PDB file of N, CA and C in Angstrom:
ATOM      1  N   MET A   1       2.148  17.394 -27.598  1.00  0.00           N
ATOM      2  CA  MET A   1       1.807  15.880 -26.751  1.00  0.00           C
ATOM      3  C   MET A   1       0.293  15.376 -27.910  1.00  0.00           C
ATOM      4  N   SER A   2       0.105  14.629 -29.031  1.00  0.00           N
ATOM      5  CA  SER A   2      -0.788  14.368 -29.351  1.00  0.00           C
ATOM      6  C   SER A   2      -2.172  13.988 -28.672  1.00  0.00           C
ATOM      7  N   MET A   3      -3.508  13.914 -29.026  1.00  0.00           N
ATOM      8  CA  MET A   3      -4.525  13.154 -28.207  1.00  0.00           C
ATOM      9  C   MET A   3      -3.949  11.926 -27.491  1.00  0.00           C
ATOM     10  N   ILE A   4      -3.236  10.787 -28.551  1.00  0.00           N
ATOM     11  CA  ILE A   4      -3.662   9.834 -28.294  1.00  0.00           C
ATOM     12  C   ILE A   4      -2.024   9.258 -27.139  1.00  0.00           C
ATOM     13  N   ASN A   5      -1.406   9.799 -27.097  1.00  0.00           N
ATOM     14  CA  ASN A   5      -0.309  10.002 -25.956  1.00  0.00           C
ATOM     15  C   ASN A   5      -0.835  10.611 -24.420  1.00  0.00           C
ATOM     16  N   ALA A   6      -1.824  11.903 -24.526  1.00  0.00           N
ATOM     17  CA  ALA A   6      -2.107  12.566 -23.513  1.00  0.00           C
ATOM     18  C   ALA A   6      -3.249  11.570 -23.200  1.00  0.00           C
ATOM     19  N   HIS A   7      -4.359  10.604 -23.414  1.00  0.00           N
ATOM     20  CA  HIS A   7      -5.238   9.597 -23.074  1.00  0.00           C
ATOM     21  C   HIS A   7      -4.510   8.386 -22.442  1.00  0.00           C
ATOM     22  N   ARG A   8      -3.113   7.889 -23.080  1.00  0.00           N
ATOM     23  CA  ARG A   8      -2.705   6.837 -22.425  1.00  0.00           C
ATOM     24  C   ARG A   8      -2.124   7.216 -21.148  1.00  0.00           C
ATOM     25  N   GLN A   9      -1.673   8.674 -20.937  1.00  0.00           N
ATOM     26  CA  GLN A   9      -1.255   9.058 -19.876  1.00  0.00           C
ATOM     27  C   GLN A   9      -1.827   8.696 -18.911  1.00  0.00           C
ATOM     28  N   GLU A  10      -3.367   9.551 -19.135  1.00  0.00           N
ATOM     29  CA  GLU A  10      -4.511   9.553 -17.884  1.00  0.00           C
ATOM     30  C   GLU A  10      -4.452   8.140 -17.531  1.00  0.00           C
ATOM     31  N   ASP A  11      -4.976   7.280 -18.573  1.00  0.00           N
ATOM     32  CA  ASP A  11      -5.404   5.582 -18.054  1.00  0.00           C
ATOM     33  C   ASP A  11      -4.236   5.334 -17.474  1.00  0.00           C
ATOM     34  N   SER A  12      -2.983   5.414 -17.311  1.00  0.00           N
ATOM     35  CA  SER A  12      -1.804   4.793 -16.925  1.00  0.00           C
ATOM     36  C   SER A  12      -2.105   5.448 -15.164  1.00  0.00           C
ATOM     37  N   LYS A  13      -2.437   6.773 -15.352  1.00  0.00           N
ATOM     38  CA  LYS A  13      -2.453   7.560 -14.068  1.00  0.00           C
ATOM     39  C   LYS A  13      -3.741   6.607 -12.908  1.00  0.00           C
ATOM     40  N   LEU A  14      -4.322   6.467 -13.441  1.00  0.00           N
ATOM     41  CA  LEU A  14      -5.887   5.784 -13.007  1.00  0.00           C
ATOM     42  C   LEU A  14      -5.401   4.651 -12.799  1.00  0.00           C
ATOM     43  N   GLU A  15      -4.852   3.956 -13.696  1.00  0.00           N
ATOM     44  CA  GLU A  15      -4.029   2.342 -13.247  1.00  0.00           C
ATOM     45  C   GLU A  15      -3.074   2.459 -12.209  1.00  0.00           C
ATOM     46  N   PHE A  16      -2.672   3.398 -11.962  1.00  0.00           N
ATOM     47  CA  PHE A  16      -1.720   3.295 -10.698  1.00  0.00           C
ATOM     48  C   PHE A  16      -2.535   3.807  -9.528  1.00  0.00           C
ATOM     49  N   SER A  17      -3.351   5.226  -9.390  1.00  0.00           N
ATOM     50  CA  SER A  17      -3.899   4.945  -8.729  1.00  0.00           C
ATOM     51  C   SER A  17      -5.149   4.131  -7.899  1.00  0.00           C
ATOM     52  N   LEU A  18      -5.894   3.308  -9.251  1.00  0.00           N
ATOM     53  CA  LEU A  18      -6.827   2.177  -8.311  1.00  0.00           C
ATOM     54  C   LEU A  18      -5.759   1.083  -8.022  1.00  0.00           C
ATOM     55  N   LEU A  19      -4.601   0.968  -8.203  1.00  0.00           N
ATOM     56  CA  LEU A  19      -3.289  -0.645  -8.065  1.00  0.00           C
ATOM     57  C   LEU A  19      -2.791   0.344  -6.155  1.00  0.00           C
ATOM     58  N   MET A  20      -2.785   1.988  -6.080  1.00  0.00           N
ATOM     59  CA  MET A  20      -2.373   2.499  -5.072  1.00  0.00           C
ATOM     60  C   MET A  20      -3.077   2.014  -3.991  1.00  0.00           C
ATOM     61  N   TRP A  21      -4.550   2.374  -3.903  1.00  0.00           N
ATOM     62  CA  TRP A  21      -6.018   2.146  -3.643  1.00  0.00           C
ATOM     63  C   TRP A  21      -6.231   0.648  -2.894  1.00  0.00           C
ATOM     64  N   LEU A  22      -5.795  -0.471  -3.914  1.00  0.00           N
ATOM     65  CA  LEU A  22      -6.071  -1.752  -3.817  1.00  0.00           C
ATOM     66  C   LEU A  22      -5.140  -2.736  -2.924  1.00  0.00           C
ATOM     67  N   ALA A  23      -4.144  -1.862  -2.990  1.00  0.00           N
ATOM     68  CA  ALA A  23      -2.949  -2.414  -2.042  1.00  0.00           C
ATOM     69  C   ALA A  23      -2.909  -1.508  -0.596  1.00  0.00           C
ATOM     70  N   PHE A  24      -3.717   0.091  -0.551  1.00  0.00           N
ATOM     71  CA  PHE A  24      -3.812   0.273   0.224  1.00  0.00           C
ATOM     72  C   PHE A  24      -4.819  -0.446   1.196  1.00  0.00           C
ATOM     73  N   GLY A  25      -6.045  -0.611   1.137  1.00  0.00           N
ATOM     74  CA  GLY A  25      -6.827  -1.196   1.841  1.00  0.00           C
ATOM     75  C   GLY A  25      -6.024  -2.643   2.121  1.00  0.00           C
ATOM     76  N   VAL A  26      -6.089  -3.700   1.134  1.00  0.00           N
ATOM     77  CA  VAL A  26      -5.045  -4.521   1.568  1.00  0.00           C
ATOM     78  C   VAL A  26      -4.422  -4.308   3.193  1.00  0.00           C
ATOM     79  N   PHE A  27      -3.347  -4.259   2.778  1.00  0.00           N
ATOM     80  CA  PHE A  27      -2.545  -3.585   4.191  1.00  0.00           C
ATOM     81  C   PHE A  27      -2.966  -3.398   5.019  1.00  0.00           C
ATOM     82  N   PHE A  28      -4.401  -1.997   4.522  1.00  0.00           N
ATOM     83  CA  PHE A  28      -4.792  -2.002   6.287  1.00  0.00           C
ATOM     84  C   PHE A  28      -5.156  -3.231   6.988  1.00  0.00           C
ATOM     85  N   VAL A  29      -6.376  -3.669   6.231  1.00  0.00           N
ATOM     86  CA  VAL A  29      -7.242  -5.035   6.983  1.00  0.00           C
ATOM     87  C   VAL A  29      -5.912  -5.800   7.709  1.00  0.00           C
ATOM     88  N   ALA A  30      -5.123  -6.282   6.643  1.00  0.00           N
ATOM     89  CA  ALA A  30      -4.112  -6.462   7.714  1.00  0.00           C
ATOM     90  C   ALA A  30      -3.552  -6.661   8.772  1.00  0.00           C
ATOM     91  N   ILE A  31      -2.324  -4.981   9.114  1.00  0.00           N
ATOM     92  CA  ILE A  31      -2.422  -4.217   9.823  1.00  0.00           C
ATOM     93  C   ILE A  31      -3.654  -3.844  10.682  1.00  0.00           C
ATOM     94  N   ALA A  32      -4.737  -4.051  10.486  1.00  0.00           N
ATOM     95  CA  ALA A  32      -5.593  -3.678  11.380  1.00  0.00           C
ATOM     96  C   ALA A  32      -5.645  -5.039  12.511  1.00  0.00           C
ATOM     97  N   MET A  33      -5.689  -6.113  11.643  1.00  0.00           N
ATOM     98  CA  MET A  33      -6.187  -7.283  11.817  1.00  0.00           C
ATOM     99  C   MET A  33      -5.027  -8.470  12.913  1.00  0.00           C
ATOM    100  N   THR A  34      -3.715  -8.283  12.666  1.00  0.00           N
ATOM    101  CA  THR A  34      -2.433  -8.062  13.588  1.00  0.00           C
ATOM    102  C   THR A  34      -2.306  -7.399  14.753  1.00  0.00           C
ATOM    103  N   ARG A  35      -3.150  -6.018  14.424  1.00  0.00           N
ATOM    104  CA  ARG A  35      -2.842  -5.127  15.490  1.00  0.00           C
ATOM    105  C   ARG A  35      -4.128  -5.034  16.752  1.00  0.00           C
ATOM    106  N   LEU A  36      -5.155  -6.467  16.386  1.00  0.00           N
ATOM    107  CA  LEU A  36      -5.896  -7.402  17.431  1.00  0.00           C
ATOM    108  C   LEU A  36      -5.246  -7.977  18.097  1.00  0.00           C
ATOM    109  N   MET A  37      -4.611  -8.921  17.750  1.00  0.00           N
ATOM    110  CA  MET A  37      -3.603  -9.882  18.347  1.00  0.00           C
ATOM    111  C   MET A  37      -3.000  -9.519  19.259  1.00  0.00           C
ATOM    112  N   PRO A  38      -2.503  -9.862  20.683  1.00  0.00           N
ATOM    113  CA  PRO A  38      -1.697  -9.895  21.788  1.00  0.00           C
ATOM    114  C   PRO A  38      -0.450  -9.553  21.203  1.00  0.00           C
ATOM    115  N   ARG A  39       0.183  -8.564  21.714  1.00  0.00           N
ATOM    116  CA  ARG A  39       1.696  -8.110  21.425  1.00  0.00           C
ATOM    117  C   ARG A  39       2.531  -9.545  21.087  1.00  0.00           C
ATOM    118  N   SER A  40       2.292 -10.396  21.965  1.00  0.00           N
ATOM    119  CA  SER A  40       3.443 -11.979  22.044  1.00  0.00           C
ATOM    120  C   SER A  40       3.127 -12.614  20.376  1.00  0.00           C
ATOM    121  N   MET A  41       2.083 -12.633  20.475  1.00  0.00           N
ATOM    122  CA  MET A  41       1.574 -13.251  18.841  1.00  0.00           C
ATOM    123  C   MET A  41       1.795 -13.056  17.580  1.00  0.00           C
ATOM    124  N   ARG A  42       2.256 -11.416  18.173  1.00  0.00           N
ATOM    125  CA  ARG A  42       2.180 -10.444  16.829  1.00  0.00           C
ATOM    126  C   ARG A  42       3.537 -11.092  15.337  1.00  0.00           C
ATOM    127  N   PRO A  43       3.210 -11.181  14.260  1.00  0.00           N
ATOM    128  CA  PRO A  43       4.381 -11.755  13.449  1.00  0.00           C
ATOM    129  C   PRO A  43       5.392 -10.209  13.357  1.00  0.00           C
ATOM    130  N   ARG A  44       6.540 -10.361  13.272  1.00  0.00           N
ATOM    131  CA  ARG A  44       7.621  -8.949  13.612  1.00  0.00           C
ATOM    132  C   ARG A  44       7.975  -9.482  11.449  1.00  0.00           C
ATOM    133  N   VAL A  45       7.260  -8.300  11.138  1.00  0.00           N
ATOM    134  CA  VAL A  45       8.031  -8.363   9.527  1.00  0.00           C
ATOM    135  C   VAL A  45       7.914  -7.366   9.053  1.00  0.00           C
ATOM    136  N   GLY A  46       9.496  -7.099   8.212  1.00  0.00           N
ATOM    137  CA  GLY A  46       9.747  -5.821   7.383  1.00  0.00           C
ATOM    138  C   GLY A  46       9.507  -4.872   8.184  1.00  0.00           C
ATOM    139  N   GLY A  47       9.807  -4.886   9.875  1.00  0.00           N
ATOM    140  CA  GLY A  47      10.966  -3.742  10.157  1.00  0.00           C
ATOM    141  C   GLY A  47       9.601  -3.300  11.333  1.00  0.00           C
ATOM    142  N   HIS A  48       9.925  -1.958  11.892  1.00  0.00           N
ATOM    143  CA  HIS A  48       9.338  -1.800  13.821  1.00  0.00           C
ATOM    144  C   HIS A  48       8.354  -1.302  12.845  1.00  0.00           C
ATOM    145  N   ASP A  49       7.108  -1.186  13.415  1.00  0.00           N
ATOM    146  CA  ASP A  49       6.123  -0.348  13.383  1.00  0.00           C
ATOM    147  C   ASP A  49       5.214   0.002  14.636  1.00  0.00           C
ATOM    148  N   ASP A  50       6.313  -0.249  15.619  1.00  0.00           N
ATOM    149  CA  ASP A  50       5.401   0.762  16.548  1.00  0.00           C
ATOM    150  C   ASP A  50       5.639   2.321  17.348  1.00  0.00           C
ATOM    151  N   GLY A  51       4.663   2.570  17.335  1.00  0.00           N
ATOM    152  CA  GLY A  51       4.077   4.130  17.735  1.00  0.00           C
ATOM    153  C   GLY A  51       3.495   4.216  16.251  1.00  0.00           C
ATOM    154  N   LYS A  52       3.439   3.807  15.044  1.00  0.00           N
ATOM    155  CA  LYS A  52       2.967   4.433  14.430  1.00  0.00           C
ATOM    156  C   LYS A  52       1.743   3.780  14.012  1.00  0.00           C
ATOM    157  N   SER A  53       0.682   4.539  13.295  1.00  0.00           N
ATOM    158  CA  SER A  53      -1.090   4.666  13.379  1.00  0.00           C
ATOM    159  C   SER A  53      -0.663   3.243  12.749  1.00  0.00           C
ATOM    160  N   ILE A  54      -2.422   3.424  12.209  1.00  0.00           N
ATOM    161  CA  ILE A  54      -2.419   2.001  11.680  1.00  0.00           C
ATOM    162  C   ILE A  54      -2.307   2.288   9.662  1.00  0.00           C
ATOM    163  N   PHE A  55      -2.786   3.986  10.075  1.00  0.00           N
ATOM    164  CA  PHE A  55      -2.689   4.352   8.926  1.00  0.00           C
ATOM    165  C   PHE A  55      -1.397   4.529   8.137  1.00  0.00           C
ATOM    166  N   ALA A  56      -0.506   5.359   8.942  1.00  0.00           N
ATOM    167  CA  ALA A  56       0.863   4.982   8.636  1.00  0.00           C
ATOM    168  C   ALA A  56       1.244   4.001   8.089  1.00  0.00           C
ATOM    169  N   ALA A  57       1.678   2.536   9.024  1.00  0.00           N
ATOM    170  CA  ALA A  57       1.797   1.477   8.860  1.00  0.00           C
ATOM    171  C   ALA A  57       1.274   0.826   7.240  1.00  0.00           C
ATOM    172  N   ALA A  58       0.008   1.249   6.767  1.00  0.00           N
ATOM    173  CA  ALA A  58      -0.681   0.699   6.202  1.00  0.00           C
ATOM    174  C   ALA A  58       0.359   1.520   4.683  1.00  0.00           C
ATOM    175  N   LYS A  59       0.020   3.012   4.972  1.00  0.00           N
ATOM    176  CA  LYS A  59       0.322   3.522   3.575  1.00  0.00           C
ATOM    177  C   LYS A  59       2.293   3.488   3.636  1.00  0.00           C
ATOM    178  N   ALA A  60       2.991   3.306   4.563  1.00  0.00           N
ATOM    179  CA  ALA A  60       4.447   2.884   4.652  1.00  0.00           C
ATOM    180  C   ALA A  60       4.816   1.560   3.837  1.00  0.00           C
ATOM    181  N   ALA A  61       3.705   0.889   4.433  1.00  0.00           N
ATOM    182  CA  ALA A  61       3.441  -0.382   3.159  1.00  0.00           C
ATOM    183  C   ALA A  61       3.439  -0.803   2.213  1.00  0.00           C
ATOM    184  N   THR A  62       2.171   0.201   1.759  1.00  0.00           N
ATOM    185  CA  THR A  62       2.299  -0.143   0.144  1.00  0.00           C
ATOM    186  C   THR A  62       3.193   1.080  -0.614  1.00  0.00           C
ATOM    187  N   TYR A  63       3.758   1.915  -0.459  1.00  0.00           N
ATOM    188  CA  TYR A  63       4.961   2.621  -0.878  1.00  0.00           C
ATOM    189  C   TYR A  63       5.892   1.965  -0.864  1.00  0.00           C
ATOM    190  N   ASN A  64       6.233   0.943   0.235  1.00  0.00           N
ATOM    191  CA  ASN A  64       7.303   0.182  -0.260  1.00  0.00           C
ATOM    192  C   ASN A  64       7.022  -1.771  -1.321  1.00  0.00           C
ATOM    193  N   SER A  65       6.192  -1.633  -1.181  1.00  0.00           N
ATOM    194  CA  SER A  65       5.588  -2.596  -2.067  1.00  0.00           C
ATOM    195  C   SER A  65       5.276  -2.644  -3.122  1.00  0.00           C
ATOM    196  N   ILE A  66       4.700  -0.822  -3.772  1.00  0.00           N
ATOM    197  CA  ILE A  66       3.991  -1.151  -5.057  1.00  0.00           C
ATOM    198  C   ILE A  66       5.453  -1.160  -5.619  1.00  0.00           C
ATOM    199  N   PRO A  67       6.326  -1.005  -5.531  1.00  0.00           N
ATOM    200  CA  PRO A  67       7.335  -0.479  -7.057  1.00  0.00           C
ATOM    201  C   PRO A  67       7.761  -2.011  -7.693  1.00  0.00           C
ATOM    202  N   PHE A  68       7.671  -2.934  -6.885  1.00  0.00           N
ATOM    203  CA  PHE A  68       7.576  -4.451  -7.253  1.00  0.00           C
ATOM    204  C   PHE A  68       6.762  -4.758  -7.890  1.00  0.00           C
ATOM    205  N   ALA A  69       5.909  -4.060  -8.250  1.00  0.00           N
ATOM    206  CA  ALA A  69       4.642  -4.398  -9.251  1.00  0.00           C
ATOM    207  C   ALA A  69       4.540  -4.091 -10.965  1.00  0.00           C
ATOM    208  N   PHE A  70       6.374  -3.279 -10.416  1.00  0.00           N
ATOM    209  CA  PHE A  70       6.423  -2.625 -11.734  1.00  0.00           C
ATOM    210  C   PHE A  70       7.613  -3.451 -12.531  1.00  0.00           C
ATOM    211  N   MET A  71       8.094  -4.183 -11.428  1.00  0.00           N
ATOM    212  CA  MET A  71       9.410  -5.009 -12.302  1.00  0.00           C
ATOM    213  C   MET A  71       8.973  -5.897 -12.674  1.00  0.00           C
TER     214      MET A  71
END
């Protein structure tokens, strides 16, 4: 592997990591805000998060949505 290809691969890994952390932060804040709402007023979008922690729900939402950024 040449130095140019290695550098591009490292840049791609960094971009992917930054995108993952940014998406996780957005989903974490959104899920935390909805968890503060009364259960009867919560939106029911994208499946059942009952019983999951805020971190687990944000991680699942991130891994489910990131592939769409690369389509």
